[in-house]
Amino acid sequence: MKNFDEKLEKLEEIADAIKRSDISLEDALKYFEEGINLAKGMEKELEKIEGKIQILMNSPAKPEEKPELDLFSGLEG
């Protein structure tokens, strides 16, 4: 999966699949495991973004200087 939005969409699909009344226990467990793994990866991505935001918020940047943190690096794939 390429980006955070696609991962979130996949997680929503998994949640919908688990809620179906006709799903087998084995399939529900498989989806649940996939969803947990996906959510953990997304949480790590959010923590990285939050750390970069904290750096930006706490660094005294001069108007002529632009911080180069490549804020969205690592969000793909």
PDB file of N, CA and C in Angstrom:
ATOM      1  N   MET A   1       0.856  -1.185   0.000  1.00  0.00           N
ATOM      2  CA  MET A   1       0.000   0.000   0.000  1.00  0.00           C
ATOM      3  C   MET A   1       0.892   1.235   0.000  1.00  0.00           C
ATOM      4  N   LYS A   2       0.464   2.227  -0.727  1.00  0.00           N
ATOM      5  CA  LYS A   2       1.346   3.349  -0.977  1.00  0.00           C
ATOM      6  C   LYS A   2       1.272   4.457   0.059  1.00  0.00           C
ATOM      7  N   ASN A   3       0.091   4.792   0.546  1.00  0.00           N
ATOM      8  CA  ASN A   3       0.051   5.929   1.451  1.00  0.00           C
ATOM      9  C   ASN A   3      -0.909   5.697   2.611  1.00  0.00           C
ATOM     10  N   PHE A   4      -0.866   6.633   3.533  1.00  0.00           N
ATOM     11  CA  PHE A   4      -1.640   6.507   4.755  1.00  0.00           C
ATOM     12  C   PHE A   4      -3.139   6.424   4.477  1.00  0.00           C
ATOM     13  N   ASP A   5      -3.633   7.207   3.533  1.00  0.00           N
ATOM     14  CA  ASP A   5      -5.065   7.187   3.211  1.00  0.00           C
ATOM     15  C   ASP A   5      -5.504   5.820   2.690  1.00  0.00           C
ATOM     16  N   GLU A   6      -4.667   5.203   1.872  1.00  0.00           N
ATOM     17  CA  GLU A   6      -4.997   3.874   1.366  1.00  0.00           C
ATOM     18  C   GLU A   6      -5.007   2.844   2.492  1.00  0.00           C
ATOM     19  N   LYS A   7      -4.084   2.978   3.416  1.00  0.00           N
ATOM     20  CA  LYS A   7      -4.037   2.069   4.560  1.00  0.00           C
ATOM     21  C   LYS A   7      -5.267   2.245   5.441  1.00  0.00           C
ATOM     22  N   LEU A   8      -5.671   3.480   5.640  1.00  0.00           N
ATOM     23  CA  LEU A   8      -6.866   3.745   6.437  1.00  0.00           C
ATOM     24  C   LEU A   8      -8.103   3.162   5.758  1.00  0.00           C
ATOM     25  N   GLU A   9      -8.188   3.316   4.455  1.00  0.00           N
ATOM     26  CA  GLU A   9      -9.314   2.750   3.707  1.00  0.00           C
ATOM     27  C   GLU A   9      -9.338   1.223   3.838  1.00  0.00           C
ATOM     28  N   LYS A  10      -8.179   0.596   3.750  1.00  0.00           N
ATOM     29  CA  LYS A  10      -8.092  -0.859   3.900  1.00  0.00           C
ATOM     30  C   LYS A  10      -8.525  -1.279   5.307  1.00  0.00           C
ATOM     31  N   LEU A  11      -8.125  -0.510   6.312  1.00  0.00           N
ATOM     32  CA  LEU A  11      -8.511  -0.817   7.688  1.00  0.00           C
ATOM     33  C   LEU A  11     -10.027  -0.717   7.868  1.00  0.00           C
ATOM     34  N   GLU A  12     -10.637   0.257   7.221  1.00  0.00           N
ATOM     35  CA  GLU A  12     -12.099   0.393   7.266  1.00  0.00           C
ATOM     36  C   GLU A  12     -12.781  -0.785   6.579  1.00  0.00           C
ATOM     37  N   GLU A  13     -12.211  -1.252   5.469  1.00  0.00           N
ATOM     38  CA  GLU A  13     -12.757  -2.421   4.774  1.00  0.00           C
ATOM     39  C   GLU A  13     -12.676  -3.660   5.663  1.00  0.00           C
ATOM     40  N   ILE A  14     -11.571  -3.803   6.354  1.00  0.00           N
ATOM     41  CA  ILE A  14     -11.396  -4.938   7.259  1.00  0.00           C
ATOM     42  C   ILE A  14     -12.431  -4.881   8.381  1.00  0.00           C
ATOM     43  N   ALA A  15     -12.628  -3.693   8.956  1.00  0.00           N
ATOM     44  CA  ALA A  15     -13.617  -3.543  10.033  1.00  0.00           C
ATOM     45  C   ALA A  15     -15.016  -3.898   9.542  1.00  0.00           C
ATOM     46  N   ASP A  16     -15.348  -3.469   8.345  1.00  0.00           N
ATOM     47  CA  ASP A  16     -16.662  -3.800   7.779  1.00  0.00           C
ATOM     48  C   ASP A  16     -16.805  -5.302   7.559  1.00  0.00           C
ATOM     49  N   ALA A  17     -15.739  -5.931   7.091  1.00  0.00           N
ATOM     50  CA  ALA A  17     -15.788  -7.375   6.835  1.00  0.00           C
ATOM     51  C   ALA A  17     -16.006  -8.153   8.132  1.00  0.00           C
ATOM     52  N   ILE A  18     -15.342  -7.733   9.187  1.00  0.00           N
ATOM     53  CA  ILE A  18     -15.474  -8.426  10.471  1.00  0.00           C
ATOM     54  C   ILE A  18     -16.885  -8.292  11.031  1.00  0.00           C
ATOM     55  N   LYS A  19     -17.547  -7.190  10.742  1.00  0.00           N
ATOM     56  CA  LYS A  19     -18.895  -6.946  11.267  1.00  0.00           C
ATOM     57  C   LYS A  19     -19.976  -7.747  10.555  1.00  0.00           C
ATOM     58  N   ARG A  20     -19.660  -8.336   9.412  1.00  0.00           N
ATOM     59  CA  ARG A  20     -20.662  -9.112   8.674  1.00  0.00           C
ATOM     60  C   ARG A  20     -21.141 -10.291   9.509  1.00  0.00           C
ATOM     61  N   SER A  21     -22.402 -10.589   9.415  1.00  0.00           N
ATOM     62  CA  SER A  21     -22.957 -11.698  10.193  1.00  0.00           C
ATOM     63  C   SER A  21     -22.646 -13.058   9.583  1.00  0.00           C
ATOM     64  N   ASP A  22     -22.284 -13.082   8.309  1.00  0.00           N
ATOM     65  CA  ASP A  22     -22.037 -14.361   7.647  1.00  0.00           C
ATOM     66  C   ASP A  22     -20.558 -14.747   7.589  1.00  0.00           C
ATOM     67  N   ILE A  23     -19.715 -14.056   8.334  1.00  0.00           N
ATOM     68  CA  ILE A  23     -18.281 -14.341   8.298  1.00  0.00           C
ATOM     69  C   ILE A  23     -17.962 -15.507   9.241  1.00  0.00           C
ATOM     70  N   SER A  24     -17.053 -16.359   8.804  1.00  0.00           N
ATOM     71  CA  SER A  24     -16.649 -17.489   9.655  1.00  0.00           C
ATOM     72  C   SER A  24     -15.678 -16.990  10.726  1.00  0.00           C
ATOM     73  N   LEU A  25     -15.554 -17.735  11.768  1.00  0.00           N
ATOM     74  CA  LEU A  25     -14.643 -17.373  12.845  1.00  0.00           C
ATOM     75  C   LEU A  25     -13.203 -17.310  12.336  1.00  0.00           C
ATOM     76  N   GLU A  26     -12.833 -18.238  11.488  1.00  0.00           N
ATOM     77  CA  GLU A  26     -11.478 -18.268  10.937  1.00  0.00           C
ATOM     78  C   GLU A  26     -11.193 -17.022  10.101  1.00  0.00           C
ATOM     79  N   ASP A  27     -12.161 -16.647   9.260  1.00  0.00           N
ATOM     80  CA  ASP A  27     -11.986 -15.445   8.441  1.00  0.00           C
ATOM     81  C   ASP A  27     -11.948 -14.190   9.298  1.00  0.00           C
ATOM     82  N   ALA A  28     -12.800 -14.135  10.312  1.00  0.00           N
ATOM     83  CA  ALA A  28     -12.813 -12.978  11.212  1.00  0.00           C
ATOM     84  C   ALA A  28     -11.467 -12.841  11.912  1.00  0.00           C
ATOM     85  N   LEU A  29     -10.901 -13.951  12.350  1.00  0.00           N
ATOM     86  CA  LEU A  29      -9.599 -13.931  13.014  1.00  0.00           C
ATOM     87  C   LEU A  29      -8.505 -13.471  12.054  1.00  0.00           C
ATOM     88  N   LYS A  30      -8.573 -13.952  10.808  1.00  0.00           N
ATOM     89  CA  LYS A  30      -7.596 -13.549   9.788  1.00  0.00           C
ATOM     90  C   LYS A  30      -7.671 -12.036   9.538  1.00  0.00           C
ATOM     91  N   TYR A  31      -8.886 -11.525   9.369  1.00  0.00           N
ATOM     92  CA  TYR A  31      -9.067 -10.084   9.167  1.00  0.00           C
ATOM     93  C   TYR A  31      -8.612  -9.288  10.386  1.00  0.00           C
ATOM     94  N   PHE A  32      -8.938  -9.794  11.567  1.00  0.00           N
ATOM     95  CA  PHE A  32      -8.556  -9.105  12.796  1.00  0.00           C
ATOM     96  C   PHE A  32      -7.039  -8.985  12.892  1.00  0.00           C
ATOM     97  N   GLU A  33      -6.340 -10.070  12.613  1.00  0.00           N
ATOM     98  CA  GLU A  33      -4.879 -10.050  12.661  1.00  0.00           C
ATOM     99  C   GLU A  33      -4.316  -9.065  11.640  1.00  0.00           C
ATOM    100  N   GLU A  34      -4.865  -9.087  10.440  1.00  0.00           N
ATOM    101  CA  GLU A  34      -4.417  -8.150   9.396  1.00  0.00           C
ATOM    102  C   GLU A  34      -4.664  -6.705   9.827  1.00  0.00           C
ATOM    103  N   GLY A  35      -5.820  -6.461  10.411  1.00  0.00           N
ATOM    104  CA  GLY A  35      -6.158  -5.114  10.860  1.00  0.00           C
ATOM    105  C   GLY A  35      -5.246  -4.621  11.973  1.00  0.00           C
ATOM    106  N   ILE A  36      -4.936  -5.505  12.926  1.00  0.00           N
ATOM    107  CA  ILE A  36      -4.036  -5.131  14.023  1.00  0.00           C
ATOM    108  C   ILE A  36      -2.656  -4.780  13.478  1.00  0.00           C
ATOM    109  N   ASN A  37      -2.141  -5.598  12.585  1.00  0.00           N
ATOM    110  CA  ASN A  37      -0.824  -5.319  11.995  1.00  0.00           C
ATOM    111  C   ASN A  37      -0.815  -4.013  11.220  1.00  0.00           C
ATOM    112  N   LEU A  38      -1.873  -3.772  10.475  1.00  0.00           N
ATOM    113  CA  LEU A  38      -1.986  -2.533   9.710  1.00  0.00           C
ATOM    114  C   LEU A  38      -2.066  -1.326  10.641  1.00  0.00           C
ATOM    115  N   ALA A  39      -2.865  -1.438  11.688  1.00  0.00           N
ATOM    116  CA  ALA A  39      -3.021  -0.332  12.643  1.00  0.00           C
ATOM    117  C   ALA A  39      -1.711  -0.029  13.361  1.00  0.00           C
ATOM    118  N   LYS A  40      -0.950  -1.049  13.715  1.00  0.00           N
ATOM    119  CA  LYS A  40       0.340  -0.831  14.381  1.00  0.00           C
ATOM    120  C   LYS A  40       1.302  -0.075  13.471  1.00  0.00           C
ATOM    121  N   GLY A  41       1.330  -0.454  12.202  1.00  0.00           N
ATOM    122  CA  GLY A  41       2.186   0.247  11.247  1.00  0.00           C
ATOM    123  C   GLY A  41       1.773   1.697  11.067  1.00  0.00           C
ATOM    124  N   MET A  42       0.474   1.932  11.025  1.00  0.00           N
ATOM    125  CA  MET A  42      -0.030   3.299  10.877  1.00  0.00           C
ATOM    126  C   MET A  42       0.295   4.124  12.113  1.00  0.00           C
ATOM    127  N   GLU A  43       0.217   3.500  13.278  1.00  0.00           N
ATOM    128  CA  GLU A  43       0.544   4.210  14.523  1.00  0.00           C
ATOM    129  C   GLU A  43       2.000   4.653  14.517  1.00  0.00           C
ATOM    130  N   LYS A  44       2.900   3.806  14.026  1.00  0.00           N
ATOM    131  CA  LYS A  44       4.317   4.172  13.938  1.00  0.00           C
ATOM    132  C   LYS A  44       4.513   5.351  12.993  1.00  0.00           C
ATOM    133  N   GLU A  45       3.803   5.340  11.878  1.00  0.00           N
ATOM    134  CA  GLU A  45       3.896   6.457  10.934  1.00  0.00           C
ATOM    135  C   GLU A  45       3.423   7.755  11.583  1.00  0.00           C
ATOM    136  N   LEU A  46       2.328   7.694  12.316  1.00  0.00           N
ATOM    137  CA  LEU A  46       1.808   8.882  12.987  1.00  0.00           C
ATOM    138  C   LEU A  46       2.783   9.398  14.046  1.00  0.00           C
ATOM    139  N   GLU A  47       3.438   8.487  14.750  1.00  0.00           N
ATOM    140  CA  GLU A  47       4.422   8.898  15.752  1.00  0.00           C
ATOM    141  C   GLU A  47       5.597   9.630  15.097  1.00  0.00           C
ATOM    142  N   LYS A  48       6.033   9.153  13.929  1.00  0.00           N
ATOM    143  CA  LYS A  48       7.115   9.832  13.201  1.00  0.00           C
ATOM    144  C   LYS A  48       6.689  11.237  12.804  1.00  0.00           C
ATOM    145  N   ILE A  49       5.473  11.360  12.287  1.00  0.00           N
ATOM    146  CA  ILE A  49       4.964  12.664  11.875  1.00  0.00           C
ATOM    147  C   ILE A  49       4.859  13.595  13.078  1.00  0.00           C
ATOM    148  N   GLU A  50       4.348  13.069  14.174  1.00  0.00           N
ATOM    149  CA  GLU A  50       4.211  13.880  15.386  1.00  0.00           C
ATOM    150  C   GLU A  50       5.574  14.377  15.865  1.00  0.00           C
ATOM    151  N   GLY A  51       6.583  13.522  15.808  1.00  0.00           N
ATOM    152  CA  GLY A  51       7.935  13.936  16.202  1.00  0.00           C
ATOM    153  C   GLY A  51       8.459  15.057  15.319  1.00  0.00           C
ATOM    154  N   LYS A  52       8.214  14.962  14.028  1.00  0.00           N
ATOM    155  CA  LYS A  52       8.666  16.006  13.116  1.00  0.00           C
ATOM    156  C   LYS A  52       7.917  17.308  13.365  1.00  0.00           C
ATOM    157  N   ILE A  53       6.641  17.212  13.680  1.00  0.00           N
ATOM    158  CA  ILE A  53       5.854  18.412  13.989  1.00  0.00           C
ATOM    159  C   ILE A  53       6.380  19.070  15.260  1.00  0.00           C
ATOM    160  N   GLN A  54       6.715  18.264  16.272  1.00  0.00           N
ATOM    161  CA  GLN A  54       7.264  18.809  17.512  1.00  0.00           C
ATOM    162  C   GLN A  54       8.577  19.544  17.253  1.00  0.00           C
ATOM    163  N   ILE A  55       9.406  18.982  16.393  1.00  0.00           N
ATOM    164  CA  ILE A  55      10.663  19.649  16.046  1.00  0.00           C
ATOM    165  C   ILE A  55      10.378  20.996  15.397  1.00  0.00           C
ATOM    166  N   LEU A  56       9.432  21.016  14.474  1.00  0.00           N
ATOM    167  CA  LEU A  56       9.087  22.273  13.798  1.00  0.00           C
ATOM    168  C   LEU A  56       8.525  23.301  14.777  1.00  0.00           C
ATOM    169  N   MET A  57       7.681  22.836  15.682  1.00  0.00           N
ATOM    170  CA  MET A  57       7.043  23.749  16.624  1.00  0.00           C
ATOM    171  C   MET A  57       8.034  24.302  17.650  1.00  0.00           C
ATOM    172  N   ASN A  58       9.069  23.561  17.966  1.00  0.00           N
ATOM    173  CA  ASN A  58      10.007  23.954  19.009  1.00  0.00           C
ATOM    174  C   ASN A  58      11.287  24.587  18.496  1.00  0.00           C
ATOM    175  N   SER A  59      11.484  24.581  17.187  1.00  0.00           N
ATOM    176  CA  SER A  59      12.719  25.164  16.663  1.00  0.00           C
ATOM    177  C   SER A  59      12.481  26.624  16.288  1.00  0.00           C
ATOM    178  N   PRO A  60      13.344  27.495  16.802  1.00  0.00           N
ATOM    179  CA  PRO A  60      13.202  28.925  16.457  1.00  0.00           C
ATOM    180  C   PRO A  60      13.758  29.176  15.064  1.00  0.00           C
ATOM    181  N   ALA A  61      12.916  29.165  14.086  1.00  0.00           N
ATOM    182  CA  ALA A  61      13.338  29.376  12.700  1.00  0.00           C
ATOM    183  C   ALA A  61      13.309  30.864  12.378  1.00  0.00           C
ATOM    184  N   LYS A  62      14.329  31.316  11.696  1.00  0.00           N
ATOM    185  CA  LYS A  62      14.372  32.694  11.226  1.00  0.00           C
ATOM    186  C   LYS A  62      13.513  32.778   9.975  1.00  0.00           C
ATOM    187  N   PRO A  63      12.902  33.930   9.728  1.00  0.00           N
ATOM    188  CA  PRO A  63      12.008  34.045   8.561  1.00  0.00           C
ATOM    189  C   PRO A  63      12.654  33.644   7.241  1.00  0.00           C
ATOM    190  N   GLU A  64      13.960  33.902   7.097  1.00  0.00           N
ATOM    191  CA  GLU A  64      14.609  33.579   5.833  1.00  0.00           C
ATOM    192  C   GLU A  64      15.023  32.108   5.737  1.00  0.00           C
ATOM    193  N   GLU A  65      14.949  31.390   6.853  1.00  0.00           N
ATOM    194  CA  GLU A  65      15.314  29.976   6.859  1.00  0.00           C
ATOM    195  C   GLU A  65      14.075  29.097   6.804  1.00  0.00           C
ATOM    196  N   LYS A  66      14.153  28.061   6.039  1.00  0.00           N
ATOM    197  CA  LYS A  66      13.059  27.094   5.980  1.00  0.00           C
ATOM    198  C   LYS A  66      13.596  25.762   6.484  1.00  0.00           C
ATOM    199  N   PRO A  67      12.943  25.175   7.479  1.00  0.00           N
ATOM    200  CA  PRO A  67      13.411  23.861   7.936  1.00  0.00           C
ATOM    201  C   PRO A  67      13.225  22.813   6.845  1.00  0.00           C
ATOM    202  N   GLU A  68      14.226  21.983   6.687  1.00  0.00           N
ATOM    203  CA  GLU A  68      14.161  20.940   5.671  1.00  0.00           C
ATOM    204  C   GLU A  68      14.090  19.590   6.367  1.00  0.00           C
ATOM    205  N   LEU A  69      12.888  19.178   6.710  1.00  0.00           N
ATOM    206  CA  LEU A  69      12.706  17.913   7.412  1.00  0.00           C
ATOM    207  C   LEU A  69      12.074  16.856   6.545  1.00  0.00           C
ATOM    208  N   ASP A  70      11.714  17.213   5.328  1.00  0.00           N
ATOM    209  CA  ASP A  70      11.045  16.275   4.430  1.00  0.00           C
ATOM    210  C   ASP A  70       9.919  15.571   5.181  1.00  0.00           C
ATOM    211  N   LEU A  71       8.961  16.368   5.599  1.00  0.00           N
ATOM    212  CA  LEU A  71       7.887  15.947   6.495  1.00  0.00           C
ATOM    213  C   LEU A  71       7.176  14.673   6.089  1.00  0.00           C
ATOM    214  N   PHE A  72       6.995  14.434   4.823  1.00  0.00           N
ATOM    215  CA  PHE A  72       6.215  13.286   4.400  1.00  0.00           C
ATOM    216  C   PHE A  72       7.059  12.140   3.870  1.00  0.00           C
ATOM    217  N   SER A  73       8.355  12.149   4.160  1.00  0.00           N
ATOM    218  CA  SER A  73       9.173  11.026   3.727  1.00  0.00           C
ATOM    219  C   SER A  73       8.822   9.798   4.555  1.00  0.00           C
ATOM    220  N   GLY A  74       8.886   8.660   3.966  1.00  0.00           N
ATOM    221  CA  GLY A  74       8.601   7.425   4.685  1.00  0.00           C
ATOM    222  C   GLY A  74       7.126   7.065   4.760  1.00  0.00           C
ATOM    223  N   LEU A  75       6.246   7.906   4.250  1.00  0.00           N
ATOM    224  CA  LEU A  75       4.821   7.591   4.293  1.00  0.00           C
ATOM    225  C   LEU A  75       4.406   6.690   3.150  1.00  0.00           C
ATOM    226  N   GLU A  76       5.244   6.582   2.159  1.00  0.00           N
ATOM    227  CA  GLU A  76       4.903   5.740   1.021  1.00  0.00           C
ATOM    228  C   GLU A  76       5.411   4.335   1.277  1.00  0.00           C
ATOM    229  N   GLY A  77       4.520   3.392   1.055  1.00  0.00           N
ATOM    230  CA  GLY A  77       4.881   1.994   1.103  1.00  0.00           C
ATOM    231  C   GLY A  77       5.352   1.554   2.375  1.00  0.00           C
TER     232      GLY A  77
END
